[in-house]
């Protein structure tokens, strides 16, 4: 299948980058744009799950994120709060509905990501690490001890979005903000479970990891370089209020 391949942030506001894949999801579902894969290095962001917003400590957690100079946003899919910044990669895959099951997609994508990381020298495995932030059955970890990649998915009639966050460098920054955020939310979390690819394979920088992960998509799709359009950005702007934290 030929799909569009987009790179780079949508703009200076991290909230727009969170809204954009959901705008793309709507457009793909309506057959108003082609399927796509997007890869970018995000700005410093704490993406809260919608369940987090109902906790008594949510506003304190938001303040803690801002104190660490991370922009708080509300994610459109996934579970608990996750933090990421320029040392990370975000990969969004937006495809028309194809009859596949969500667990199958999670498992297959995690297996592919783990295989790619093993290729750069990481003892990468699939499975939840006890005590990890935003826990998930199909997290990609190193040595069974530290989380490296988390994923989330959103499904609408006619299309699905699978989004992954890969921590490549600088896990200390993420541990620091998550420590305060999770304490405010009253959620259990073990900071020692937050790792980074570069800690496991020191020569594997962000661009190297980007190359090997994108290569995995190229085994399934014919990636055609593309750019954001005004229609896509306008639709994302319409969704900003869903993801913005006041």
C-alpha atoms as a PDB file:
ATOM      1  CA  UNK A   1       0.000   0.000   0.000  1.00  0.00           C
ATOM      2  CA  UNK A   2       1.242   3.504  -0.804  1.00  0.00           C
ATOM      3  CA  UNK A   3       0.854   5.917   2.111  1.00  0.00           C
ATOM      4  CA  UNK A   4       1.944   9.457   2.834  1.00  0.00           C
ATOM      5  CA  UNK A   5       4.968   9.987   5.070  1.00  0.00           C
ATOM      6  CA  UNK A   6       5.102  13.216   7.062  1.00  0.00           C
ATOM      7  CA  UNK A   7       7.866  14.497   9.322  1.00  0.00           C
ATOM      8  CA  UNK A   8       8.229  17.391  11.729  1.00  0.00           C
ATOM      9  CA  UNK A   9       6.056  19.262  14.205  1.00  0.00           C
ATOM     10  CA  UNK A  10       2.832  20.926  13.164  1.00  0.00           C
ATOM     11  CA  UNK A  11       3.822  24.195  14.841  1.00  0.00           C
ATOM     12  CA  UNK A  12       5.132  25.744  18.062  1.00  0.00           C
ATOM     13  CA  UNK A  13       2.110  24.726  20.172  1.00  0.00           C
ATOM     14  CA  UNK A  14       2.387  21.097  21.400  1.00  0.00           C
ATOM     15  CA  UNK A  15      -1.398  20.964  21.638  1.00  0.00           C
ATOM     16  CA  UNK A  16      -1.615  21.181  17.859  1.00  0.00           C
ATOM     17  CA  UNK A  17       0.668  18.167  17.526  1.00  0.00           C
ATOM     18  CA  UNK A  18      -1.669  16.224  19.813  1.00  0.00           C
ATOM     19  CA  UNK A  19      -4.784  17.299  17.885  1.00  0.00           C
ATOM     20  CA  UNK A  20      -3.326  16.698  14.431  1.00  0.00           C
ATOM     21  CA  UNK A  21      -3.376  12.868  14.327  1.00  0.00           C
ATOM     22  CA  UNK A  22      -7.028  12.914  15.385  1.00  0.00           C
ATOM     23  CA  UNK A  23      -7.778  15.375  12.609  1.00  0.00           C
ATOM     24  CA  UNK A  24      -5.985  13.039  10.203  1.00  0.00           C
ATOM     25  CA  UNK A  25      -7.989  10.117  11.591  1.00  0.00           C
ATOM     26  CA  UNK A  26     -11.257  11.897  10.805  1.00  0.00           C
ATOM     27  CA  UNK A  27     -10.088  12.742   7.295  1.00  0.00           C
ATOM     28  CA  UNK A  28      -8.854   9.223   6.538  1.00  0.00           C
ATOM     29  CA  UNK A  29     -12.127   7.774   7.855  1.00  0.00           C
ATOM     30  CA  UNK A  30     -14.062  10.114   5.559  1.00  0.00           C
ATOM     31  CA  UNK A  31     -11.774   9.163   2.638  1.00  0.00           C
ATOM     32  CA  UNK A  32     -10.723  12.798   2.336  1.00  0.00           C
ATOM     33  CA  UNK A  33      -7.029  12.012   2.528  1.00  0.00           C
ATOM     34  CA  UNK A  34      -4.682   9.105   2.004  1.00  0.00           C
ATOM     35  CA  UNK A  35      -3.436   6.859   4.826  1.00  0.00           C
ATOM     36  CA  UNK A  36      -0.283   8.119   6.465  1.00  0.00           C
ATOM     37  CA  UNK A  37       2.665   7.540   8.745  1.00  0.00           C
ATOM     38  CA  UNK A  38       4.038  10.523  10.645  1.00  0.00           C
ATOM     39  CA  UNK A  39       7.293  10.788  12.604  1.00  0.00           C
ATOM     40  CA  UNK A  40       8.471  13.769  14.647  1.00  0.00           C
ATOM     41  CA  UNK A  41      10.450  14.920  17.656  1.00  0.00           C
ATOM     42  CA  UNK A  42       7.986  16.533  20.057  1.00  0.00           C
ATOM     43  CA  UNK A  43       8.313  19.555  22.280  1.00  0.00           C
ATOM     44  CA  UNK A  44       8.334  18.949  26.041  1.00  0.00           C
ATOM     45  CA  UNK A  45       4.816  17.724  26.822  1.00  0.00           C
ATOM     46  CA  UNK A  46       2.896  15.880  29.512  1.00  0.00           C
ATOM     47  CA  UNK A  47      -0.036  14.133  27.828  1.00  0.00           C
ATOM     48  CA  UNK A  48      -2.702  13.376  30.430  1.00  0.00           C
ATOM     49  CA  UNK A  49      -5.293  10.669  29.947  1.00  0.00           C
ATOM     50  CA  UNK A  50      -8.924  11.688  30.238  1.00  0.00           C
ATOM     51  CA  UNK A  51      -9.233   9.568  33.376  1.00  0.00           C
ATOM     52  CA  UNK A  52      -6.510  11.726  34.946  1.00  0.00           C
ATOM     53  CA  UNK A  53      -8.677  14.826  34.596  1.00  0.00           C
ATOM     54  CA  UNK A  54     -11.200  13.406  37.083  1.00  0.00           C
ATOM     55  CA  UNK A  55      -8.637  12.912  39.853  1.00  0.00           C
ATOM     56  CA  UNK A  56      -8.538  15.359  42.747  1.00  0.00           C
ATOM     57  CA  UNK A  57      -4.893  16.177  42.132  1.00  0.00           C
ATOM     58  CA  UNK A  58      -5.217  16.918  38.422  1.00  0.00           C
ATOM     59  CA  UNK A  59      -4.740  20.701  38.634  1.00  0.00           C
ATOM     60  CA  UNK A  60      -1.755  20.206  40.952  1.00  0.00           C
ATOM     61  CA  UNK A  61      -0.297  17.786  38.406  1.00  0.00           C
ATOM     62  CA  UNK A  62      -0.846  20.343  35.637  1.00  0.00           C
ATOM     63  CA  UNK A  63       0.988  22.951  37.675  1.00  0.00           C
ATOM     64  CA  UNK A  64       3.833  20.506  38.281  1.00  0.00           C
ATOM     65  CA  UNK A  65       4.173  19.865  34.551  1.00  0.00           C
ATOM     66  CA  UNK A  66       4.383  23.580  33.863  1.00  0.00           C
ATOM     67  CA  UNK A  67       6.949  24.077  36.623  1.00  0.00           C
ATOM     68  CA  UNK A  68       9.158  21.608  34.757  1.00  0.00           C
ATOM     69  CA  UNK A  69       8.488  23.536  31.514  1.00  0.00           C
ATOM     70  CA  UNK A  70       6.417  20.747  30.008  1.00  0.00           C
ATOM     71  CA  UNK A  71       3.190  21.760  28.279  1.00  0.00           C
ATOM     72  CA  UNK A  72       0.180  19.866  29.697  1.00  0.00           C
ATOM     73  CA  UNK A  73      -2.290  18.483  27.141  1.00  0.00           C
ATOM     74  CA  UNK A  74      -5.174  16.014  27.105  1.00  0.00           C
ATOM     75  CA  UNK A  75      -4.479  13.033  24.908  1.00  0.00           C
ATOM     76  CA  UNK A  76      -7.193  11.613  22.704  1.00  0.00           C
ATOM     77  CA  UNK A  77      -6.258   7.983  23.269  1.00  0.00           C
ATOM     78  CA  UNK A  78      -4.395   5.897  25.800  1.00  0.00           C
ATOM     79  CA  UNK A  79      -4.376   5.607  29.567  1.00  0.00           C
ATOM     80  CA  UNK A  80      -2.437   7.594  32.159  1.00  0.00           C
ATOM     81  CA  UNK A  81      -0.093  10.558  31.922  1.00  0.00           C
ATOM     82  CA  UNK A  82       2.968  10.212  29.701  1.00  0.00           C
ATOM     83  CA  UNK A  83       5.839  12.671  29.326  1.00  0.00           C
ATOM     84  CA  UNK A  84       8.013  13.217  26.277  1.00  0.00           C
ATOM     85  CA  UNK A  85      10.323  15.844  24.816  1.00  0.00           C
ATOM     86  CA  UNK A  86      12.900  16.451  22.089  1.00  0.00           C
ATOM     87  CA  UNK A  87      14.811  13.342  23.112  1.00  0.00           C
ATOM     88  CA  UNK A  88      11.852  11.230  22.016  1.00  0.00           C
ATOM     89  CA  UNK A  89      10.205  10.207  18.768  1.00  0.00           C
ATOM     90  CA  UNK A  90       6.481  10.022  18.137  1.00  0.00           C
ATOM     91  CA  UNK A  91       5.223   7.755  15.375  1.00  0.00           C
ATOM     92  CA  UNK A  92       1.606   7.999  14.227  1.00  0.00           C
ATOM     93  CA  UNK A  93       0.078   5.461  11.863  1.00  0.00           C
ATOM     94  CA  UNK A  94      -3.370   6.380  10.491  1.00  0.00           C
ATOM     95  CA  UNK A  95      -5.026   3.735   8.347  1.00  0.00           C
ATOM     96  CA  UNK A  96      -8.488   2.931   7.005  1.00  0.00           C
ATOM     97  CA  UNK A  97     -10.300   0.131   8.811  1.00  0.00           C
ATOM     98  CA  UNK A  98      -9.015  -3.199   7.544  1.00  0.00           C
ATOM     99  CA  UNK A  99     -10.739  -5.787   9.704  1.00  0.00           C
ATOM    100  CA  UNK A 100      -7.747  -6.368  11.961  1.00  0.00           C
ATOM    101  CA  UNK A 101      -8.223  -6.578  15.721  1.00  0.00           C
ATOM    102  CA  UNK A 102      -6.789  -3.992  18.097  1.00  0.00           C
ATOM    103  CA  UNK A 103      -4.806  -6.522  20.140  1.00  0.00           C
ATOM    104  CA  UNK A 104      -3.306  -7.936  16.963  1.00  0.00           C
ATOM    105  CA  UNK A 105      -2.153  -4.475  15.910  1.00  0.00           C
ATOM    106  CA  UNK A 106      -0.675  -3.681  19.319  1.00  0.00           C
ATOM    107  CA  UNK A 107       1.164  -6.993  19.442  1.00  0.00           C
ATOM    108  CA  UNK A 108       2.443  -6.808  15.868  1.00  0.00           C
ATOM    109  CA  UNK A 109       3.643  -3.214  16.174  1.00  0.00           C
ATOM    110  CA  UNK A 110       5.395  -3.887  19.480  1.00  0.00           C
ATOM    111  CA  UNK A 111       7.122  -6.924  17.967  1.00  0.00           C
ATOM    112  CA  UNK A 112       8.329  -4.851  15.019  1.00  0.00           C
ATOM    113  CA  UNK A 113       9.599  -2.056  17.266  1.00  0.00           C
ATOM    114  CA  UNK A 114      11.401  -4.483  19.547  1.00  0.00           C
ATOM    115  CA  UNK A 115      13.023  -6.134  16.535  1.00  0.00           C
ATOM    116  CA  UNK A 116      14.192  -2.748  15.256  1.00  0.00           C
ATOM    117  CA  UNK A 117      15.726  -1.850  18.626  1.00  0.00           C
ATOM    118  CA  UNK A 118      17.467  -5.200  18.879  1.00  0.00           C
ATOM    119  CA  UNK A 119      19.089  -4.269  15.583  1.00  0.00           C
ATOM    120  CA  UNK A 120      20.814  -1.301  17.256  1.00  0.00           C
ATOM    121  CA  UNK A 121      22.007  -3.345  20.236  1.00  0.00           C
ATOM    122  CA  UNK A 122      19.121  -3.129  22.723  1.00  0.00           C
ATOM    123  CA  UNK A 123      17.901  -6.214  24.593  1.00  0.00           C
ATOM    124  CA  UNK A 124      14.364  -5.208  23.599  1.00  0.00           C
ATOM    125  CA  UNK A 125      11.337  -7.193  24.725  1.00  0.00           C
ATOM    126  CA  UNK A 126       7.579  -6.784  24.707  1.00  0.00           C
ATOM    127  CA  UNK A 127       5.611  -6.583  27.930  1.00  0.00           C
ATOM    128  CA  UNK A 128       4.644  -4.359  30.829  1.00  0.00           C
ATOM    129  CA  UNK A 129       7.349  -3.575  33.378  1.00  0.00           C
ATOM    130  CA  UNK A 130       5.914  -3.589  36.921  1.00  0.00           C
ATOM    131  CA  UNK A 131       5.720  -0.003  38.142  1.00  0.00           C
ATOM    132  CA  UNK A 132       6.051   1.644  34.713  1.00  0.00           C
ATOM    133  CA  UNK A 133       4.290   4.934  33.945  1.00  0.00           C
ATOM    134  CA  UNK A 134       1.195   4.680  31.728  1.00  0.00           C
ATOM    135  CA  UNK A 135       1.350   0.882  31.929  1.00  0.00           C
ATOM    136  CA  UNK A 136       0.520  -1.262  28.926  1.00  0.00           C
ATOM    137  CA  UNK A 137       0.611  -4.929  28.023  1.00  0.00           C
ATOM    138  CA  UNK A 138       2.454  -4.169  24.803  1.00  0.00           C
ATOM    139  CA  UNK A 139       5.061  -1.716  26.062  1.00  0.00           C
ATOM    140  CA  UNK A 140       8.515  -2.272  24.599  1.00  0.00           C
ATOM    141  CA  UNK A 141      11.109  -2.573  27.330  1.00  0.00           C
ATOM    142  CA  UNK A 142      14.810  -3.257  27.755  1.00  0.00           C
ATOM    143  CA  UNK A 143      15.913  -6.347  29.693  1.00  0.00           C
ATOM    144  CA  UNK A 144      12.444  -6.606  31.225  1.00  0.00           C
ATOM    145  CA  UNK A 145      13.409  -3.732  33.534  1.00  0.00           C
ATOM    146  CA  UNK A 146      12.860  -0.324  31.889  1.00  0.00           C
ATOM    147  CA  UNK A 147      10.170   0.957  29.559  1.00  0.00           C
ATOM    148  CA  UNK A 148      11.325   2.408  26.227  1.00  0.00           C
ATOM    149  CA  UNK A 149       8.183   2.620  24.071  1.00  0.00           C
ATOM    150  CA  UNK A 150       4.526   3.062  24.916  1.00  0.00           C
ATOM    151  CA  UNK A 151       1.625   2.966  22.480  1.00  0.00           C
ATOM    152  CA  UNK A 152      -2.014   4.010  22.320  1.00  0.00           C
ATOM    153  CA  UNK A 153      -4.765   3.550  19.784  1.00  0.00           C
ATOM    154  CA  UNK A 154      -7.998   5.260  18.833  1.00  0.00           C
ATOM    155  CA  UNK A 155     -10.599   3.753  16.544  1.00  0.00           C
ATOM    156  CA  UNK A 156     -13.413   5.525  14.714  1.00  0.00           C
ATOM    157  CA  UNK A 157     -15.824   4.193  12.130  1.00  0.00           C
ATOM    158  CA  UNK A 158     -13.736   3.634   9.032  1.00  0.00           C
ATOM    159  CA  UNK A 159     -10.198   4.185  10.378  1.00  0.00           C
ATOM    160  CA  UNK A 160      -7.738   3.702  13.233  1.00  0.00           C
ATOM    161  CA  UNK A 161      -4.817   5.608  14.725  1.00  0.00           C
ATOM    162  CA  UNK A 162      -1.893   3.826  16.360  1.00  0.00           C
ATOM    163  CA  UNK A 163       0.548   6.149  18.104  1.00  0.00           C
ATOM    164  CA  UNK A 164       3.878   5.265  19.736  1.00  0.00           C
ATOM    165  CA  UNK A 165       6.230   7.294  21.931  1.00  0.00           C
ATOM    166  CA  UNK A 166       9.867   6.185  21.835  1.00  0.00           C
ATOM    167  CA  UNK A 167      12.205   7.494  24.550  1.00  0.00           C
ATOM    168  CA  UNK A 168      15.613   7.714  22.890  1.00  0.00           C
ATOM    169  CA  UNK A 169      17.566  10.164  25.044  1.00  0.00           C
ATOM    170  CA  UNK A 170      17.330  12.147  28.300  1.00  0.00           C
ATOM    171  CA  UNK A 171      15.143   9.950  30.545  1.00  0.00           C
ATOM    172  CA  UNK A 172      16.189  11.979  33.596  1.00  0.00           C
ATOM    173  CA  UNK A 173      14.074  14.914  32.433  1.00  0.00           C
ATOM    174  CA  UNK A 174      11.059  12.646  32.068  1.00  0.00           C
ATOM    175  CA  UNK A 175      11.587  10.996  35.434  1.00  0.00           C
ATOM    176  CA  UNK A 176      11.733  14.388  37.143  1.00  0.00           C
ATOM    177  CA  UNK A 177       8.453  15.687  35.732  1.00  0.00           C
ATOM    178  CA  UNK A 178       6.639  12.354  36.043  1.00  0.00           C
ATOM    179  CA  UNK A 179       7.696  12.023  39.673  1.00  0.00           C
ATOM    180  CA  UNK A 180       5.848  15.215  40.566  1.00  0.00           C
ATOM    181  CA  UNK A 181       2.926  14.596  38.202  1.00  0.00           C
ATOM    182  CA  UNK A 182       2.233  11.072  39.442  1.00  0.00           C
ATOM    183  CA  UNK A 183       2.590  12.140  43.068  1.00  0.00           C
ATOM    184  CA  UNK A 184      -0.027  14.843  42.501  1.00  0.00           C
ATOM    185  CA  UNK A 185      -2.360  12.382  40.789  1.00  0.00           C
ATOM    186  CA  UNK A 186      -1.892   9.864  43.591  1.00  0.00           C
ATOM    187  CA  UNK A 187      -0.784   7.129  41.182  1.00  0.00           C
ATOM    188  CA  UNK A 188       1.851   4.505  41.899  1.00  0.00           C
ATOM    189  CA  UNK A 189       4.937   4.596  39.717  1.00  0.00           C
ATOM    190  CA  UNK A 190       8.555   3.482  39.971  1.00  0.00           C
ATOM    191  CA  UNK A 191      10.928   6.076  38.438  1.00  0.00           C
ATOM    192  CA  UNK A 192      13.600   3.408  37.917  1.00  0.00           C
ATOM    193  CA  UNK A 193      11.409   1.803  35.240  1.00  0.00           C
ATOM    194  CA  UNK A 194      11.775   4.805  32.905  1.00  0.00           C
ATOM    195  CA  UNK A 195      14.614   4.161  30.471  1.00  0.00           C
ATOM    196  CA  UNK A 196      15.949   5.336  27.125  1.00  0.00           C
ATOM    197  CA  UNK A 197      17.340   3.646  24.042  1.00  0.00           C
ATOM    198  CA  UNK A 198      20.624   5.536  24.305  1.00  0.00           C
ATOM    199  CA  UNK A 199      21.196   4.179  27.820  1.00  0.00           C
ATOM    200  CA  UNK A 200      21.009   0.654  26.417  1.00  0.00           C
ATOM    201  CA  UNK A 201      22.892   1.350  23.160  1.00  0.00           C
ATOM    202  CA  UNK A 202      25.004   4.524  23.549  1.00  0.00           C
ATOM    203  CA  UNK A 203      25.612   4.892  19.805  1.00  0.00           C
ATOM    204  CA  UNK A 204      21.905   4.863  18.993  1.00  0.00           C
ATOM    205  CA  UNK A 205      20.932   8.533  18.814  1.00  0.00           C
ATOM    206  CA  UNK A 206      17.569   9.939  17.807  1.00  0.00           C
ATOM    207  CA  UNK A 207      18.274   9.993  14.074  1.00  0.00           C
ATOM    208  CA  UNK A 208      19.650   6.457  14.085  1.00  0.00           C
ATOM    209  CA  UNK A 209      16.593   5.154  15.926  1.00  0.00           C
ATOM    210  CA  UNK A 210      14.315   7.101  13.594  1.00  0.00           C
ATOM    211  CA  UNK A 211      15.966   5.440  10.610  1.00  0.00           C
ATOM    212  CA  UNK A 212      15.537   1.890  11.875  1.00  0.00           C
ATOM    213  CA  UNK A 213      11.941   2.415  12.978  1.00  0.00           C
ATOM    214  CA  UNK A 214      10.903   4.046   9.716  1.00  0.00           C
ATOM    215  CA  UNK A 215      12.567   1.158   7.898  1.00  0.00           C
ATOM    216  CA  UNK A 216      10.101  -1.175   9.635  1.00  0.00           C
ATOM    217  CA  UNK A 217       7.193   0.779   8.178  1.00  0.00           C
ATOM    218  CA  UNK A 218       8.844   0.544   4.771  1.00  0.00           C
ATOM    219  CA  UNK A 219       8.587  -3.236   4.937  1.00  0.00           C
ATOM    220  CA  UNK A 220       4.788  -2.830   4.931  1.00  0.00           C
ATOM    221  CA  UNK A 221       4.113   0.389   3.053  1.00  0.00           C
ATOM    222  CA  UNK A 222       5.445   2.389   0.143  1.00  0.00           C
ATOM    223  CA  UNK A 223       6.141   5.669   1.955  1.00  0.00           C
ATOM    224  CA  UNK A 224       5.630   8.755  -0.184  1.00  0.00           C
ATOM    225  CA  UNK A 225       7.000  12.040   1.280  1.00  0.00           C
ATOM    226  CA  UNK A 226       4.215  14.532   1.896  1.00  0.00           C
ATOM    227  CA  UNK A 227       3.539  17.826   3.654  1.00  0.00           C
ATOM    228  CA  UNK A 228       0.746  19.075   5.851  1.00  0.00           C
ATOM    229  CA  UNK A 229      -2.060  20.872   4.038  1.00  0.00           C
ATOM    230  CA  UNK A 230      -4.202  23.804   5.108  1.00  0.00           C
ATOM    231  CA  UNK A 231      -7.227  21.501   5.294  1.00  0.00           C
ATOM    232  CA  UNK A 232      -5.486  19.221   7.795  1.00  0.00           C
ATOM    233  CA  UNK A 233      -4.219  22.076   9.930  1.00  0.00           C
ATOM    234  CA  UNK A 234      -7.656  23.710   9.906  1.00  0.00           C
ATOM    235  CA  UNK A 235      -9.303  20.495  11.065  1.00  0.00           C
ATOM    236  CA  UNK A 236      -6.685  20.118  13.812  1.00  0.00           C
ATOM    237  CA  UNK A 237      -7.345  23.698  14.932  1.00  0.00           C
ATOM    238  CA  UNK A 238     -11.032  22.798  15.320  1.00  0.00           C
ATOM    239  CA  UNK A 239     -10.050  20.055  17.759  1.00  0.00           C
ATOM    240  CA  UNK A 240      -7.697  22.093  19.938  1.00  0.00           C
ATOM    241  CA  UNK A 241     -10.194  22.696  22.728  1.00  0.00           C
ATOM    242  CA  UNK A 242     -10.507  18.925  23.248  1.00  0.00           C
ATOM    243  CA  UNK A 243      -6.813  18.675  24.026  1.00  0.00           C
ATOM    244  CA  UNK A 244      -5.974  21.997  25.656  1.00  0.00           C
ATOM    245  CA  UNK A 245      -5.610  22.314  29.424  1.00  0.00           C
ATOM    246  CA  UNK A 246      -6.908  25.596  30.815  1.00  0.00           C
END
